[in-house]
Amino acid sequence: MNQLYDIERRATQKSDQERGELRAKESRRILDRLGEYLEGPVAKSVLPASKLGGAFNYIRNHWEALNVFVNLDVARCQRPTTRSRRSDVFRERHNAHAPRDGHSR
């Protein structure tokens, strides 16, 4: 989990596109390895009531959310950015009231 946090710390200074690419490349690989470990013989031999067992259960309970977080961010960064028609209308109305000489009111 610390590796995922390290990736997020590095991603804070990046653009949305770069952050998505970083998560796709590095976070996905870590989550895949973690998933294999959680289903492996070591994880299955840990007592559920132990601290380690509690940590494994916590990750299993949040597994879907972790994967959705990475997958959605990657998908958002892969699709082209579009502006809505509504934002264009707002911009046109706002600019219609702007002074033409370049000075603010």
Protein backbone atom coordinates (compact mmCIF):
# COMPACT_ATOMS: atom_id res chain seq x y z
CA MET A 1 0.00 0.00 0.00
CA ASN A 2 2.89 2.36 0.68
CA GLN A 3 3.95 1.93 -2.94
CA LEU A 4 0.52 3.20 -4.05
CA TYR A 5 0.86 6.19 -1.73
CA ASP A 6 4.32 6.91 -3.16
CA ILE A 7 2.85 6.96 -6.66
CA GLU A 8 0.14 9.38 -5.54
CA ARG A 9 2.73 11.68 -3.95
CA ARG A 10 4.68 11.74 -7.21
CA ALA A 11 1.48 12.32 -9.18
CA THR A 12 0.46 15.51 -7.36
CA GLN A 13 2.77 17.65 -9.50
CA LYS A 14 1.56 16.15 -12.79
CA SER A 15 -1.27 17.02 -15.16
CA ASP A 16 -4.43 14.89 -15.22
CA GLN A 17 -3.18 13.11 -18.33
CA GLU A 18 0.23 12.36 -16.84
CA ARG A 19 -1.32 11.27 -13.54
CA GLY A 20 -3.61 8.84 -15.35
CA GLU A 21 -0.72 7.41 -17.32
CA LEU A 22 1.36 6.99 -14.16
CA ARG A 23 -1.50 5.19 -12.40
CA ALA A 24 -2.11 2.99 -15.44
CA LYS A 25 1.52 2.02 -15.63
CA GLU A 26 2.55 1.69 -12.01
CA SER A 27 -0.55 1.45 -9.80
CA ARG A 28 -2.16 -1.20 -11.99
CA ARG A 29 0.94 -3.40 -11.75
CA ILE A 30 1.03 -3.07 -7.95
CA LEU A 31 -2.68 -3.84 -7.60
CA ASP A 32 -2.32 -6.90 -9.83
CA ARG A 33 0.53 -8.23 -7.67
CA LEU A 34 -1.37 -7.45 -4.48
CA GLY A 35 -4.44 -9.27 -5.79
CA GLU A 36 -2.37 -12.36 -6.56
CA TYR A 37 -0.87 -12.22 -3.07
CA LEU A 38 -4.30 -11.87 -1.40
CA GLU A 39 -5.46 -15.03 -3.15
CA GLY A 40 -2.23 -16.94 -2.50
CA PRO A 41 -1.42 -19.55 0.11
CA VAL A 42 0.29 -17.18 2.56
CA ALA A 43 -2.70 -14.84 2.81
CA LYS A 44 -5.08 -17.78 3.20
CA SER A 45 -3.02 -19.21 6.08
CA VAL A 46 -3.22 -15.98 8.15
CA LEU A 47 -5.70 -16.00 11.00
CA PRO A 48 -8.56 -13.56 10.26
CA ALA A 49 -8.52 -12.21 13.84
CA SER A 50 -4.81 -11.28 13.69
CA LYS A 51 -3.65 -7.78 12.79
CA LEU A 52 -2.33 -9.02 9.46
CA GLY A 53 -5.58 -10.88 8.83
CA GLY A 54 -7.49 -7.68 9.61
CA ALA A 55 -5.33 -5.77 7.14
CA PHE A 56 -5.97 -8.39 4.45
CA ASN A 57 -9.71 -8.24 5.12
CA TYR A 58 -9.65 -4.45 4.93
CA ILE A 59 -7.96 -4.57 1.53
CA ARG A 60 -10.36 -7.26 0.30
CA ASN A 61 -13.35 -5.18 1.45
CA HIS A 62 -12.02 -2.14 -0.44
CA TRP A 63 -10.63 -4.03 -3.41
CA GLU A 64 -13.32 -2.96 -5.88
CA ALA A 65 -13.00 0.71 -4.92
CA LEU A 66 -9.22 0.59 -5.35
CA ASN A 67 -9.58 -0.89 -8.82
CA VAL A 68 -12.37 1.47 -9.85
CA PHE A 69 -10.25 4.42 -8.75
CA VAL A 70 -7.36 3.38 -11.01
CA ASN A 71 -9.53 2.30 -13.94
CA LEU A 72 -11.75 5.39 -13.98
CA ASP A 73 -8.83 7.75 -13.79
CA VAL A 74 -7.13 5.99 -16.70
CA ALA A 75 -10.32 6.02 -18.79
CA ARG A 76 -10.89 9.72 -18.07
CA CYS A 77 -7.38 10.58 -19.23
CA GLN A 78 -7.65 8.53 -22.40
CA ARG A 79 -10.80 10.18 -23.76
CA PRO A 80 -10.55 13.56 -25.46
CA THR A 81 -11.45 16.61 -23.43
CA THR A 82 -14.70 18.20 -24.52
CA ARG A 83 -16.50 21.32 -23.48
CA SER A 84 -20.20 21.24 -22.98
CA ARG A 85 -22.56 23.40 -24.97
CA ARG A 86 -23.76 24.87 -21.69
CA SER A 87 -20.30 26.18 -20.79
CA ASP A 88 -20.04 27.78 -24.24
CA VAL A 89 -23.37 29.58 -23.74
CA PHE A 90 -22.23 30.83 -20.33
CA ARG A 91 -18.95 32.05 -21.80
CA GLU A 92 -20.74 33.89 -24.62
CA ARG A 93 -23.12 35.61 -22.18
CA HIS A 94 -20.27 36.55 -19.86
CA ASN A 95 -18.15 37.94 -22.69
CA ALA A 96 -21.13 39.89 -24.07
CA HIS A 97 -21.13 42.01 -20.91
CA ALA A 98 -17.36 42.50 -20.83
CA PRO A 99 -16.10 45.98 -21.72
CA ARG A 100 -14.72 46.22 -25.22
CA ASP A 101 -11.79 48.52 -24.37
CA GLY A 102 -10.04 45.84 -22.28
CA HIS A 103 -10.65 47.59 -18.95
CA SER A 104 -12.61 45.92 -16.21
CA ARG A 105 -15.61 47.63 -14.68
